[in-house]
Amino acid sequence: MFPTVLGLAGAEWPSSRVAGKDRSAAILSGAVDGEQYVFAENHDVPCAHYTAMARSKTHKLVLYLGGREGPAPFYEFYDLRGDPCELDNVIDSPAHADAAREHKQALCQWMTATRRYIPPARGPSH
């Protein structure tokens, strides 16, 4: 989003140091095509060392990584068509297995391509 905001402001952005795509021309022309997935991440939230999200028009997948000594990784998956408030985690639902797998693959590809996740440094051994 940052490159798009800079593009809308008419400012240049350091593409080698900032991840993302400048979508300002498409927005200003009214020809926003959209991506199949939107990705986001967060570091050091209360429940995890790292979280990453893949969202499509119909579903949202969130990955939580607890770090070296934290809880095991886990996912949340929501069908936004019937649950726009994200109240029912359907990650284990057989009816949503194909969509969850597709979102997991997309998230993994994004994390690999952008090298977004950096594991926490190991502390001294006890």
Protein backbone atom coordinates (compact mmCIF):
# COMPACT_ATOMS: atom_id res chain seq x y z
CA MET A 1 0.00 0.00 0.00
CA PHE A 2 2.90 2.36 0.78
CA PRO A 3 4.09 2.61 -2.86
CA THR A 4 0.51 3.35 -3.99
CA VAL A 5 0.09 6.13 -1.43
CA LEU A 6 3.39 7.67 -2.57
CA GLY A 7 2.30 7.33 -6.20
CA LEU A 8 -1.00 9.05 -5.47
CA ALA A 9 0.96 11.86 -3.81
CA GLY A 10 3.24 12.13 -6.86
CA ALA A 11 6.31 11.13 -4.86
CA GLU A 12 9.05 8.73 -5.93
CA TRP A 13 9.61 5.61 -3.87
CA PRO A 14 12.73 3.50 -3.33
CA SER A 15 11.55 0.28 -5.02
CA SER A 16 14.68 -1.58 -3.95
CA ARG A 17 13.94 -0.95 -0.27
CA VAL A 18 10.14 -1.01 -0.10
CA ALA A 19 7.98 -4.05 -0.87
CA GLY A 20 4.75 -3.58 -2.77
CA LYS A 21 3.36 -2.32 -6.04
CA ASP A 22 2.39 1.19 -7.05
CA ARG A 23 -1.26 0.92 -8.14
CA SER A 24 -1.83 4.69 -8.33
CA ALA A 25 -2.14 4.81 -12.15
CA ALA A 26 -4.85 2.13 -12.14
CA ILE A 27 -6.71 3.87 -9.31
CA LEU A 28 -6.55 7.27 -10.97
CA SER A 29 -7.71 5.86 -14.32
CA GLY A 30 -10.53 3.87 -12.72
CA ALA A 31 -9.13 0.62 -14.14
CA VAL A 32 -8.23 -1.16 -10.92
CA ASP A 33 -7.89 -4.79 -11.90
CA GLY A 34 -7.04 -6.15 -8.49
CA GLU A 35 -4.95 -9.10 -7.51
CA GLN A 36 -6.25 -12.54 -6.68
CA TYR A 37 -4.74 -12.21 -3.18
CA VAL A 38 -3.74 -9.39 -0.89
CA PHE A 39 -0.96 -10.13 1.60
CA ALA A 40 -0.07 -8.54 4.92
CA GLU A 41 2.19 -9.29 7.85
CA ASN A 42 2.83 -8.18 11.41
CA HIS A 43 5.68 -8.77 13.83
CA ASP A 44 5.62 -9.27 17.58
CA VAL A 45 1.90 -9.26 18.24
CA PRO A 46 0.67 -10.51 21.65
CA CYS A 47 -0.26 -14.00 20.39
CA ALA A 48 2.68 -14.61 18.03
CA HIS A 49 6.13 -13.57 16.96
CA TYR A 50 4.92 -13.19 13.38
CA THR A 51 1.60 -13.24 11.55
CA ALA A 52 0.96 -13.28 7.83
CA MET A 53 -2.31 -13.07 5.91
CA ALA A 54 -3.55 -14.00 2.44
CA ARG A 55 -6.97 -12.57 1.58
CA SER A 56 -9.00 -13.11 -1.53
CA LYS A 57 -12.40 -11.66 -2.37
CA THR A 58 -14.09 -14.61 -0.66
CA HIS A 59 -11.70 -15.95 2.02
CA LYS A 60 -9.06 -14.90 4.53
CA LEU A 61 -6.19 -17.05 5.85
CA VAL A 62 -4.00 -15.99 8.78
CA LEU A 63 -0.81 -17.80 9.82
CA TYR A 64 0.52 -17.37 13.36
CA LEU A 65 4.15 -18.26 14.11
CA GLY A 66 5.13 -18.27 17.76
CA GLY A 67 8.88 -18.16 17.38
CA ARG A 68 11.44 -20.67 18.60
CA GLU A 69 9.97 -21.10 22.09
CA GLY A 70 6.39 -19.99 21.50
CA PRO A 71 3.29 -21.95 20.60
CA ALA A 72 3.22 -24.18 17.52
CA PRO A 73 2.22 -22.48 14.26
CA PHE A 74 -1.49 -22.36 13.61
CA TYR A 75 -3.94 -21.01 11.03
CA GLU A 76 -7.27 -19.29 10.99
CA PHE A 77 -9.40 -19.44 7.85
CA TYR A 78 -12.63 -17.55 7.21
CA ASP A 79 -15.26 -17.76 4.49
CA LEU A 80 -16.06 -14.08 4.13
CA ARG A 81 -19.17 -14.65 2.01
CA GLY A 82 -21.14 -16.17 4.91
CA ASP A 83 -19.04 -14.86 7.79
CA PRO A 84 -17.91 -11.28 7.06
CA CYS A 85 -17.21 -10.65 10.76
CA GLU A 86 -14.74 -13.59 10.87
CA LEU A 87 -16.40 -15.37 13.78
CA ASP A 88 -16.23 -18.98 12.54
CA ASN A 89 -12.72 -20.38 11.92
CA VAL A 90 -13.28 -23.05 9.23
CA ILE A 91 -9.65 -24.18 8.86
CA ASP A 92 -10.59 -27.80 9.72
CA SER A 93 -13.79 -27.88 7.66
CA PRO A 94 -13.71 -30.43 4.82
CA ALA A 95 -16.02 -28.15 2.83
CA HIS A 96 -13.31 -25.44 2.86
CA ALA A 97 -10.24 -27.67 2.42
CA ASP A 98 -9.56 -26.78 -1.23
CA ALA A 99 -9.86 -23.04 -0.67
CA ALA A 100 -7.70 -23.22 2.47
CA ARG A 101 -5.02 -25.18 0.59
CA GLU A 102 -5.01 -22.62 -2.24
CA HIS A 103 -4.63 -19.75 0.22
CA LYS A 104 -1.82 -21.58 2.07
CA GLN A 105 0.02 -22.12 -1.22
CA ALA A 106 -0.38 -18.47 -2.20
CA LEU A 107 0.86 -17.30 1.21
CA CYS A 108 3.84 -19.65 1.10
CA GLN A 109 4.77 -18.46 -2.40
CA TRP A 110 4.50 -14.82 -1.31
CA MET A 111 6.59 -15.38 1.81
CA THR A 112 9.23 -17.25 -0.21
CA ALA A 113 9.32 -14.75 -3.07
CA THR A 114 9.53 -11.71 -0.81
CA ARG A 115 11.60 -13.37 1.92
CA ARG A 116 9.32 -11.65 4.42
CA TYR A 117 9.64 -13.92 7.44
CA ILE A 118 12.87 -13.77 9.41
CA PRO A 119 12.93 -16.15 12.40
CA PRO A 120 13.75 -14.61 15.78
CA ALA A 121 17.36 -14.74 16.90
CA ARG A 122 18.17 -17.59 19.24
CA GLY A 123 18.86 -16.62 22.78
CA PRO A 124 21.42 -18.30 25.01
CA SER A 125 20.80 -22.00 25.64
CA HIS A 126 19.71 -22.97 29.14
